């Protein structure tokens, strides 16, 4: 079981805008460690601090990871920002905070990202396709944006209705 629980839509904390990390502390490193543990445990290929209720600009991703026994190549990115975008791609996205739903989302096909690592060293990463999509998806979380905000109103409303019913059923099950 993961150390921390992933917040699920419609939790209002997912809509908060995260603040930059001014100093990399032991608490920052511990949060990054917890995020990696949760990401691999769920399993997922990316996670943003707000998904664990922490409103700081920290994301972790591992787009190379393919499963339980696979080699891990995580990236821990502090204060990530996209400094260049190019092209367009449509990717089917899902999210640990948006359970039981996937949808096609249009994103930039390639991005250049700037961030700090856990040692405070500046990184600049050129990313394409899945990694570019993942960076954009996770940085959206830092800005209080979910991938369902980037789909049609009709599809989003259908999901919201489905999610409300799911939550009601869970509450009824818990009460009985």
N, C-alpha and C. Protein backbone atom coordinates (compact mmCIF):
# COMPACT_ATOMS: atom_id res chain seq x y z
N UNK A 1 0.84 -1.19 0.00
CA UNK A 1 0.00 0.00 0.00
C UNK A 1 0.88 1.25 0.00
N UNK A 2 0.45 2.25 -0.73
CA UNK A 2 1.22 3.49 -0.86
C UNK A 2 1.23 4.28 0.45
N UNK A 3 2.27 5.07 0.62
CA UNK A 3 2.39 5.90 1.81
C UNK A 3 1.27 6.92 1.92
N UNK A 4 0.93 7.54 0.80
CA UNK A 4 -0.08 8.60 0.79
C UNK A 4 -1.17 8.27 -0.21
N UNK A 5 -2.34 8.80 0.06
CA UNK A 5 -3.48 8.58 -0.82
C UNK A 5 -3.50 9.63 -1.93
N UNK A 6 -3.81 9.20 -3.14
CA UNK A 6 -3.96 10.12 -4.26
C UNK A 6 -5.33 10.77 -4.18
N UNK A 7 -5.36 12.10 -4.23
CA UNK A 7 -6.64 12.81 -4.24
C UNK A 7 -7.38 12.50 -5.52
N UNK A 8 -8.69 12.39 -5.43
CA UNK A 8 -9.52 12.07 -6.59
C UNK A 8 -10.49 13.21 -6.89
N UNK A 9 -10.74 13.41 -8.18
CA UNK A 9 -11.76 14.35 -8.60
C UNK A 9 -13.07 13.95 -7.95
N UNK A 10 -13.84 14.87 -7.37
CA UNK A 10 -13.80 16.33 -7.48
C UNK A 10 -13.14 17.07 -6.31
N UNK A 11 -12.18 16.47 -5.64
CA UNK A 11 -11.50 17.10 -4.50
C UNK A 11 -11.01 18.50 -4.90
N UNK A 12 -11.45 19.50 -4.15
CA UNK A 12 -11.15 20.90 -4.47
C UNK A 12 -9.65 21.23 -4.40
N UNK A 13 -8.90 20.44 -3.63
CA UNK A 13 -7.46 20.71 -3.52
C UNK A 13 -6.74 20.51 -4.85
N UNK A 14 -7.33 19.72 -5.75
CA UNK A 14 -6.73 19.51 -7.08
C UNK A 14 -6.79 20.77 -7.93
N UNK A 15 -7.60 21.74 -7.52
CA UNK A 15 -7.77 22.99 -8.29
C UNK A 15 -6.88 24.13 -7.80
N UNK A 16 -6.11 23.88 -6.74
CA UNK A 16 -5.26 24.93 -6.20
C UNK A 16 -4.01 25.11 -7.06
N UNK A 17 -3.53 26.34 -7.13
CA UNK A 17 -2.30 26.64 -7.88
C UNK A 17 -1.13 26.47 -6.91
N UNK A 18 -0.14 25.72 -7.36
CA UNK A 18 1.02 25.41 -6.51
C UNK A 18 2.02 26.55 -6.45
N UNK A 19 2.72 26.61 -5.33
CA UNK A 19 3.73 27.64 -5.14
C UNK A 19 5.12 27.08 -5.45
N UNK A 20 6.01 27.93 -5.96
CA UNK A 20 7.38 27.48 -6.24
C UNK A 20 8.09 27.03 -4.97
N UNK A 21 9.03 26.14 -5.14
CA UNK A 21 9.87 25.68 -4.04
C UNK A 21 11.10 26.57 -4.02
N UNK A 22 11.28 27.32 -2.93
CA UNK A 22 12.39 28.26 -2.82
C UNK A 22 13.68 27.61 -2.36
N UNK A 23 13.52 26.56 -1.53
CA UNK A 23 14.69 25.88 -0.97
C UNK A 23 14.43 24.38 -0.97
N UNK A 24 15.40 23.63 -1.42
CA UNK A 24 15.27 22.17 -1.43
C UNK A 24 15.73 21.66 -0.07
N UNK A 25 14.75 21.13 0.68
CA UNK A 25 15.00 20.69 2.05
C UNK A 25 14.84 19.18 2.15
N UNK A 26 15.09 18.66 3.35
CA UNK A 26 14.84 17.24 3.59
C UNK A 26 13.37 16.91 3.37
N UNK A 27 12.47 17.85 3.71
CA UNK A 27 11.04 17.63 3.49
C UNK A 27 10.73 17.52 1.99
N UNK A 28 11.42 18.33 1.18
CA UNK A 28 11.24 18.26 -0.28
C UNK A 28 11.68 16.89 -0.78
N UNK A 29 12.83 16.44 -0.31
CA UNK A 29 13.34 15.12 -0.72
C UNK A 29 12.41 13.99 -0.27
N UNK A 30 11.87 14.11 0.94
CA UNK A 30 10.95 13.10 1.46
C UNK A 30 9.66 13.08 0.63
N UNK A 31 9.15 14.25 0.28
CA UNK A 31 7.95 14.32 -0.55
C UNK A 31 8.23 13.68 -1.91
N UNK A 32 9.37 13.97 -2.52
CA UNK A 32 9.72 13.37 -3.81
C UNK A 32 9.79 11.86 -3.70
N UNK A 33 10.39 11.36 -2.63
CA UNK A 33 10.46 9.91 -2.40
C UNK A 33 9.07 9.31 -2.28
N UNK A 34 8.21 9.96 -1.48
CA UNK A 34 6.83 9.49 -1.31
C UNK A 34 6.10 9.49 -2.65
N UNK A 35 6.30 10.54 -3.44
CA UNK A 35 5.62 10.64 -4.74
C UNK A 35 6.04 9.50 -5.66
N UNK A 36 7.33 9.19 -5.68
CA UNK A 36 7.80 8.08 -6.51
C UNK A 36 7.19 6.76 -6.05
N UNK A 37 7.16 6.56 -4.74
CA UNK A 37 6.58 5.33 -4.21
C UNK A 37 5.11 5.21 -4.62
N UNK A 38 4.36 6.29 -4.48
CA UNK A 38 2.94 6.27 -4.85
C UNK A 38 2.79 6.04 -6.35
N UNK A 39 3.59 6.74 -7.16
CA UNK A 39 3.49 6.61 -8.62
C UNK A 39 3.70 5.16 -9.06
N UNK A 40 4.74 4.53 -8.56
CA UNK A 40 5.01 3.15 -8.95
C UNK A 40 3.98 2.18 -8.36
N UNK A 41 3.47 2.49 -7.18
CA UNK A 41 2.51 1.60 -6.52
C UNK A 41 1.15 1.62 -7.20
N UNK A 42 0.75 2.76 -7.73
CA UNK A 42 -0.61 2.90 -8.26
C UNK A 42 -0.96 1.96 -9.41
N UNK A 43 -0.32 1.69 -10.45
CA UNK A 43 0.90 2.29 -11.00
C UNK A 43 0.56 3.41 -11.97
N UNK A 44 1.54 4.30 -12.15
CA UNK A 44 1.41 5.39 -13.10
C UNK A 44 2.77 5.75 -13.65
N UNK A 45 2.78 6.72 -14.57
CA UNK A 45 4.06 7.17 -15.16
C UNK A 45 4.36 8.62 -14.79
N UNK A 46 3.48 9.24 -14.03
CA UNK A 46 3.70 10.61 -13.61
C UNK A 46 2.84 10.94 -12.41
N UNK A 47 3.30 11.89 -11.61
CA UNK A 47 2.54 12.33 -10.44
C UNK A 47 3.00 13.74 -10.08
N UNK A 48 2.05 14.57 -9.71
CA UNK A 48 2.34 15.93 -9.28
C UNK A 48 2.02 16.06 -7.79
N UNK A 49 2.78 16.88 -7.09
CA UNK A 49 2.59 17.04 -5.64
C UNK A 49 1.14 17.36 -5.26
N UNK A 50 0.41 18.20 -6.02
CA UNK A 50 -0.98 18.48 -5.63
C UNK A 50 -1.87 17.23 -5.57
N UNK A 51 -1.51 16.19 -6.30
CA UNK A 51 -2.29 14.97 -6.27
C UNK A 51 -2.19 14.27 -4.91
N UNK A 52 -1.18 14.66 -4.13
CA UNK A 52 -1.03 14.13 -2.76
C UNK A 52 -1.39 15.20 -1.73
N UNK A 53 -2.01 16.29 -2.20
CA UNK A 53 -2.44 17.35 -1.29
C UNK A 53 -1.36 18.35 -0.93
N UNK A 54 -0.24 18.33 -1.65
CA UNK A 54 0.88 19.25 -1.39
C UNK A 54 0.92 20.28 -2.51
N UNK A 55 0.68 21.53 -2.21
CA UNK A 55 0.60 22.54 -3.26
C UNK A 55 1.96 23.22 -3.50
N UNK A 56 2.91 22.39 -3.91
CA UNK A 56 4.23 22.89 -4.29
C UNK A 56 4.52 22.40 -5.71
N UNK A 57 5.43 23.11 -6.38
CA UNK A 57 5.72 22.83 -7.79
C UNK A 57 6.78 21.72 -7.89
N UNK A 58 6.30 20.50 -7.77
CA UNK A 58 7.15 19.31 -7.80
C UNK A 58 6.41 18.21 -8.55
N UNK A 59 7.09 17.61 -9.55
CA UNK A 59 6.51 16.48 -10.29
C UNK A 59 7.54 15.37 -10.37
N UNK A 60 7.04 14.16 -10.54
CA UNK A 60 7.90 13.01 -10.81
C UNK A 60 7.31 12.29 -12.03
N UNK A 61 8.20 11.80 -12.89
CA UNK A 61 7.72 11.03 -14.03
C UNK A 61 8.72 9.92 -14.34
N UNK A 62 8.21 8.88 -14.97
CA UNK A 62 9.05 7.81 -15.49
C UNK A 62 8.32 7.20 -16.68
N UNK A 63 8.52 7.78 -17.84
CA UNK A 63 7.82 7.31 -19.04
C UNK A 63 8.48 6.09 -19.65
N UNK A 64 9.62 5.68 -19.11
CA UNK A 64 10.30 4.47 -19.59
C UNK A 64 9.83 3.22 -18.85
N UNK A 65 9.25 3.42 -17.67
CA UNK A 65 8.86 2.33 -16.81
C UNK A 65 7.68 1.58 -17.41
N UNK A 66 7.77 0.26 -17.43
CA UNK A 66 6.73 -0.54 -18.08
C UNK A 66 6.01 -1.50 -17.14
N UNK A 67 6.42 -1.59 -15.91
CA UNK A 67 5.72 -2.49 -15.00
C UNK A 67 6.54 -2.87 -13.80
N UNK A 68 5.95 -3.70 -12.97
CA UNK A 68 6.46 -4.02 -11.64
C UNK A 68 7.95 -4.38 -11.59
N UNK A 69 8.38 -5.26 -12.47
CA UNK A 69 9.77 -5.71 -12.41
C UNK A 69 10.70 -4.96 -13.37
N UNK A 70 10.17 -3.94 -14.03
CA UNK A 70 10.95 -3.21 -15.02
C UNK A 70 11.92 -2.24 -14.34
N UNK A 71 12.96 -1.89 -15.08
CA UNK A 71 13.93 -0.92 -14.58
C UNK A 71 13.27 0.44 -14.44
N UNK A 72 13.67 1.16 -13.42
CA UNK A 72 13.09 2.48 -13.16
C UNK A 72 14.09 3.58 -13.54
N UNK A 73 13.58 4.61 -14.20
CA UNK A 73 14.38 5.77 -14.58
C UNK A 73 13.61 7.05 -14.25
N UNK A 74 13.38 7.29 -12.97
CA UNK A 74 12.53 8.43 -12.61
C UNK A 74 13.22 9.78 -12.79
N UNK A 75 12.40 10.77 -13.11
CA UNK A 75 12.83 12.16 -13.11
C UNK A 75 12.07 12.86 -11.99
N UNK A 76 12.80 13.58 -11.15
CA UNK A 76 12.20 14.41 -10.12
C UNK A 76 12.48 15.84 -10.54
N UNK A 77 11.41 16.60 -10.74
CA UNK A 77 11.55 17.94 -11.30
C UNK A 77 10.91 18.98 -10.38
N UNK A 78 11.72 19.92 -9.96
CA UNK A 78 11.29 20.99 -9.07
C UNK A 78 11.11 22.27 -9.88
N UNK A 79 9.99 22.94 -9.63
CA UNK A 79 9.64 24.18 -10.35
C UNK A 79 9.73 24.02 -11.87
N UNK A 80 9.14 22.95 -12.41
CA UNK A 80 9.25 22.75 -13.86
C UNK A 80 8.44 23.80 -14.63
N UNK A 81 8.98 24.19 -15.76
CA UNK A 81 8.25 25.10 -16.64
C UNK A 81 8.58 24.75 -18.09
N UNK A 82 7.57 24.85 -18.91
CA UNK A 82 7.77 24.61 -20.34
C UNK A 82 8.17 25.93 -20.96
N UNK A 83 9.34 25.94 -21.60
CA UNK A 83 9.87 27.17 -22.17
C UNK A 83 9.72 27.22 -23.68
N UNK A 84 9.37 26.09 -24.30
CA UNK A 84 9.11 26.07 -25.75
C UNK A 84 8.19 24.90 -26.06
N UNK A 85 7.34 25.11 -27.04
CA UNK A 85 6.40 24.07 -27.50
C UNK A 85 6.42 24.06 -29.02
N UNK A 86 6.18 22.86 -29.60
CA UNK A 86 6.13 22.78 -31.05
C UNK A 86 5.20 21.65 -31.47
N UNK A 87 4.48 21.87 -32.55
CA UNK A 87 3.63 20.84 -33.13
C UNK A 87 2.42 20.53 -32.29
N UNK A 88 1.63 19.58 -32.79
CA UNK A 88 0.43 19.14 -32.08
C UNK A 88 0.34 17.63 -32.17
N UNK A 89 -0.16 17.05 -31.10
CA UNK A 89 -0.37 15.61 -31.05
C UNK A 89 -1.62 15.35 -30.22
N UNK A 90 -2.36 14.32 -30.58
CA UNK A 90 -3.51 13.90 -29.79
C UNK A 90 -3.12 12.59 -29.11
N UNK A 91 -3.28 12.57 -27.79
CA UNK A 91 -2.87 11.42 -27.00
C UNK A 91 -4.02 11.01 -26.09
N UNK A 92 -4.23 9.73 -25.93
CA UNK A 92 -5.25 9.25 -24.99
C UNK A 92 -4.64 9.29 -23.59
N UNK A 93 -5.23 10.13 -22.76
CA UNK A 93 -4.70 10.34 -21.41
C UNK A 93 -5.64 9.76 -20.36
N UNK A 94 -5.03 9.36 -19.27
CA UNK A 94 -5.73 8.97 -18.07
C UNK A 94 -5.04 9.67 -16.92
N UNK A 95 -5.56 9.53 -15.72
CA UNK A 95 -4.98 10.23 -14.59
C UNK A 95 -5.35 9.51 -13.30
N UNK A 96 -4.39 9.38 -12.40
CA UNK A 96 -4.64 8.74 -11.12
C UNK A 96 -5.69 9.50 -10.30
N UNK A 97 -5.84 10.80 -10.56
CA UNK A 97 -6.82 11.61 -9.83
C UNK A 97 -8.18 11.66 -10.53
N UNK A 98 -8.27 11.10 -11.72
CA UNK A 98 -9.52 11.06 -12.47
C UNK A 98 -9.81 9.59 -12.76
N UNK A 99 -10.37 8.88 -11.77
CA UNK A 99 -10.49 7.43 -11.89
C UNK A 99 -11.45 6.99 -12.99
N UNK A 100 -11.09 5.85 -13.58
CA UNK A 100 -11.96 5.16 -14.52
C UNK A 100 -12.35 6.00 -15.73
N UNK A 101 -11.40 6.78 -16.26
CA UNK A 101 -11.73 7.60 -17.42
C UNK A 101 -10.46 7.88 -18.22
N UNK A 102 -10.59 7.79 -19.53
CA UNK A 102 -9.53 8.19 -20.46
C UNK A 102 -10.18 8.99 -21.57
N UNK A 103 -9.41 9.92 -22.15
CA UNK A 103 -9.92 10.71 -23.26
C UNK A 103 -8.76 11.22 -24.09
N UNK A 104 -9.05 11.49 -25.36
CA UNK A 104 -8.06 12.07 -26.25
C UNK A 104 -7.91 13.55 -25.93
N UNK A 105 -6.65 13.97 -25.79
CA UNK A 105 -6.33 15.35 -25.46
C UNK A 105 -5.29 15.84 -26.46
N UNK A 106 -5.49 17.05 -26.95
CA UNK A 106 -4.51 17.64 -27.85
C UNK A 106 -3.47 18.40 -27.03
N UNK A 107 -2.21 18.11 -27.32
CA UNK A 107 -1.09 18.74 -26.62
C UNK A 107 -0.02 19.13 -27.64
N UNK A 108 1.01 19.80 -27.19
CA UNK A 108 2.18 20.05 -28.03
C UNK A 108 2.91 18.73 -28.23
N UNK A 109 3.39 18.48 -29.44
CA UNK A 109 4.09 17.23 -29.74
C UNK A 109 5.49 17.19 -29.13
N UNK A 110 6.12 18.36 -29.05
CA UNK A 110 7.43 18.42 -28.42
C UNK A 110 7.50 19.66 -27.54
N UNK A 111 8.26 19.54 -26.47
CA UNK A 111 8.43 20.65 -25.53
C UNK A 111 9.89 20.71 -25.08
N UNK A 112 10.26 21.89 -24.63
CA UNK A 112 11.53 22.04 -23.91
C UNK A 112 11.15 22.48 -22.51
N UNK A 113 11.64 21.72 -21.55
CA UNK A 113 11.29 21.92 -20.15
C UNK A 113 12.53 22.36 -19.38
N UNK A 114 12.33 23.28 -18.47
CA UNK A 114 13.40 23.72 -17.57
C UNK A 114 12.94 23.48 -16.14
N UNK A 115 13.82 22.93 -15.31
CA UNK A 115 13.48 22.62 -13.92
C UNK A 115 14.76 22.46 -13.13
N UNK A 116 14.61 22.23 -11.84
CA UNK A 116 15.73 21.90 -10.96
C UNK A 116 15.59 20.43 -10.57
N UNK A 117 16.74 19.78 -10.33
CA UNK A 117 16.70 18.43 -9.78
C UNK A 117 16.79 18.53 -8.25
N UNK A 118 16.85 17.40 -7.57
CA UNK A 118 16.87 17.41 -6.10
C UNK A 118 18.16 17.99 -5.52
N UNK A 119 19.18 18.12 -6.35
CA UNK A 119 20.44 18.73 -5.89
C UNK A 119 20.45 20.24 -6.16
N UNK A 120 19.40 20.75 -6.77
CA UNK A 120 19.33 22.18 -7.08
C UNK A 120 19.97 22.54 -8.40
N UNK A 121 20.38 21.52 -9.16
CA UNK A 121 20.99 21.76 -10.46
C UNK A 121 19.91 22.00 -11.51
N UNK A 122 20.15 23.00 -12.39
CA UNK A 122 19.16 23.29 -13.43
C UNK A 122 19.26 22.25 -14.55
N UNK A 123 18.11 21.78 -14.97
CA UNK A 123 18.00 20.83 -16.07
C UNK A 123 17.23 21.49 -17.21
N UNK A 124 17.58 21.11 -18.42
CA UNK A 124 16.78 21.48 -19.57
C UNK A 124 16.59 20.21 -20.38
N UNK A 125 15.34 19.85 -20.61
CA UNK A 125 15.02 18.58 -21.26
C UNK A 125 14.20 18.84 -22.51
N UNK A 126 14.63 18.26 -23.62
CA UNK A 126 13.85 18.26 -24.85
C UNK A 126 13.05 16.97 -24.85
N UNK A 127 11.73 17.08 -24.98
CA UNK A 127 10.88 15.89 -24.91
C UNK A 127 9.92 15.87 -26.09
N UNK A 128 9.60 14.64 -26.53
CA UNK A 128 8.63 14.47 -27.59
C UNK A 128 7.62 13.41 -27.16
N UNK A 129 6.52 13.38 -27.88
CA UNK A 129 5.47 12.38 -27.74
C UNK A 129 5.10 12.10 -26.29
N UNK A 130 5.20 10.84 -25.82
CA UNK A 130 4.71 10.49 -24.49
C UNK A 130 5.34 11.34 -23.40
N UNK A 131 6.65 11.52 -23.44
CA UNK A 131 7.29 12.30 -22.39
C UNK A 131 6.82 13.75 -22.43
N UNK A 132 6.67 14.32 -23.61
CA UNK A 132 6.16 15.70 -23.74
C UNK A 132 4.75 15.80 -23.19
N UNK A 133 3.90 14.82 -23.53
CA UNK A 133 2.52 14.81 -23.04
C UNK A 133 2.52 14.71 -21.52
N UNK A 134 3.35 13.84 -20.98
CA UNK A 134 3.41 13.64 -19.53
C UNK A 134 3.85 14.93 -18.82
N UNK A 135 4.87 15.59 -19.34
CA UNK A 135 5.30 16.86 -18.74
C UNK A 135 4.15 17.86 -18.72
N UNK A 136 3.45 17.99 -19.85
CA UNK A 136 2.35 18.96 -19.93
C UNK A 136 1.22 18.59 -18.97
N UNK A 137 0.90 17.31 -18.89
CA UNK A 137 -0.17 16.82 -18.00
C UNK A 137 0.17 17.13 -16.54
N UNK A 138 1.39 16.81 -16.13
CA UNK A 138 1.78 17.00 -14.72
C UNK A 138 1.91 18.48 -14.38
N UNK A 139 2.44 19.27 -15.29
CA UNK A 139 2.55 20.72 -15.01
C UNK A 139 1.16 21.34 -14.93
N UNK A 140 0.21 20.84 -15.73
CA UNK A 140 -1.18 21.30 -15.58
C UNK A 140 -1.65 21.13 -14.14
N UNK A 141 -1.33 19.98 -13.51
CA UNK A 141 -1.73 19.76 -12.12
C UNK A 141 -1.20 20.87 -11.21
N UNK A 142 0.00 21.35 -11.48
CA UNK A 142 0.59 22.41 -10.66
C UNK A 142 -0.18 23.72 -10.78
N UNK A 143 -0.91 23.84 -11.89
CA UNK A 143 -1.71 25.04 -12.15
C UNK A 143 -3.20 24.82 -11.88
N UNK A 144 -3.53 23.71 -11.22
CA UNK A 144 -4.92 23.44 -10.87
C UNK A 144 -5.78 23.00 -12.04
N UNK A 145 -5.15 22.46 -13.08
CA UNK A 145 -5.85 22.03 -14.29
C UNK A 145 -5.79 20.51 -14.38
N UNK A 146 -6.94 19.90 -14.67
CA UNK A 146 -7.01 18.46 -14.90
C UNK A 146 -7.19 18.22 -16.39
N UNK A 147 -6.80 17.03 -16.86
CA UNK A 147 -6.90 16.76 -18.29
C UNK A 147 -8.34 16.83 -18.77
N UNK A 148 -9.31 16.59 -17.88
CA UNK A 148 -10.71 16.69 -18.30
C UNK A 148 -11.12 18.13 -18.60
N UNK A 149 -10.31 19.10 -18.17
CA UNK A 149 -10.57 20.50 -18.52
C UNK A 149 -10.20 20.78 -19.97
N UNK A 150 -9.49 19.85 -20.60
CA UNK A 150 -9.01 20.03 -21.97
C UNK A 150 -9.80 19.20 -22.99
N UNK A 151 -10.94 18.65 -22.56
CA UNK A 151 -11.78 17.88 -23.47
C UNK A 151 -13.10 18.63 -23.66
N UNK A 152 -13.95 18.12 -24.53
CA UNK A 152 -15.21 18.81 -24.82
C UNK A 152 -16.08 18.87 -23.55
N UNK A 153 -16.90 19.90 -23.50
CA UNK A 153 -17.81 20.07 -22.36
C UNK A 153 -18.73 18.86 -22.22
N UNK A 154 -19.20 18.32 -23.33
CA UNK A 154 -20.09 17.16 -23.30
C UNK A 154 -19.41 15.96 -22.64
N UNK A 155 -18.21 15.63 -23.09
CA UNK A 155 -17.49 14.49 -22.51
C UNK A 155 -17.18 14.71 -21.04
N UNK A 156 -16.80 15.94 -20.71
CA UNK A 156 -16.49 16.27 -19.31
C UNK A 156 -17.75 16.13 -18.45
N UNK A 157 -18.88 16.66 -18.92
CA UNK A 157 -20.12 16.58 -18.15
C UNK A 157 -20.57 15.13 -17.95
N UNK A 158 -20.40 14.30 -18.98
CA UNK A 158 -20.75 12.89 -18.84
C UNK A 158 -19.88 12.23 -17.77
N UNK A 159 -18.58 12.56 -17.77
CA UNK A 159 -17.71 11.99 -16.75
C UNK A 159 -18.11 12.48 -15.35
N UNK A 160 -18.38 13.77 -15.22
CA UNK A 160 -18.75 14.33 -13.92
C UNK A 160 -19.99 13.63 -13.37
N UNK A 161 -21.00 13.41 -14.22
CA UNK A 161 -22.21 12.71 -13.79
C UNK A 161 -21.88 11.28 -13.35
N UNK A 162 -21.06 10.60 -14.14
CA UNK A 162 -20.66 9.22 -13.81
C UNK A 162 -19.91 9.19 -12.48
N UNK A 163 -19.02 10.14 -12.27
CA UNK A 163 -18.22 10.19 -11.04
C UNK A 163 -19.10 10.47 -9.82
N UNK A 164 -20.07 11.37 -9.97
CA UNK A 164 -20.98 11.67 -8.85
C UNK A 164 -21.76 10.41 -8.45
N UNK A 165 -22.23 9.65 -9.43
CA UNK A 165 -22.94 8.40 -9.14
C UNK A 165 -22.02 7.42 -8.43
N UNK A 166 -20.78 7.34 -8.90
CA UNK A 166 -19.80 6.43 -8.30
C UNK A 166 -19.56 6.80 -6.84
N UNK A 167 -19.42 8.09 -6.56
CA UNK A 167 -19.18 8.54 -5.18
C UNK A 167 -20.39 8.24 -4.31
N UNK A 168 -21.61 8.46 -4.84
CA UNK A 168 -22.83 8.14 -4.07
C UNK A 168 -22.88 6.67 -3.71
N UNK A 169 -22.56 5.80 -4.70
CA UNK A 169 -22.56 4.36 -4.45
C UNK A 169 -21.54 3.99 -3.37
N UNK A 170 -20.34 4.59 -3.45
CA UNK A 170 -19.30 4.31 -2.44
C UNK A 170 -19.77 4.73 -1.06
N UNK A 171 -20.42 5.89 -0.95
CA UNK A 171 -20.92 6.36 0.33
C UNK A 171 -22.01 5.44 0.88
N UNK A 172 -22.89 4.98 -0.02
CA UNK A 172 -23.95 4.06 0.39
C UNK A 172 -23.35 2.73 0.86
N UNK A 173 -22.33 2.25 0.15
CA UNK A 173 -21.67 1.00 0.54
C UNK A 173 -20.99 1.14 1.90
N UNK A 174 -20.38 2.30 2.14
CA UNK A 174 -19.70 2.54 3.41
C UNK A 174 -20.70 2.62 4.56
N UNK A 175 -21.91 3.13 4.28
CA UNK A 175 -22.93 3.31 5.31
C UNK A 175 -23.58 1.98 5.69
N UNK A 176 -23.53 1.01 4.77
CA UNK A 176 -24.21 -0.26 5.08
C UNK A 176 -23.29 -1.28 5.69
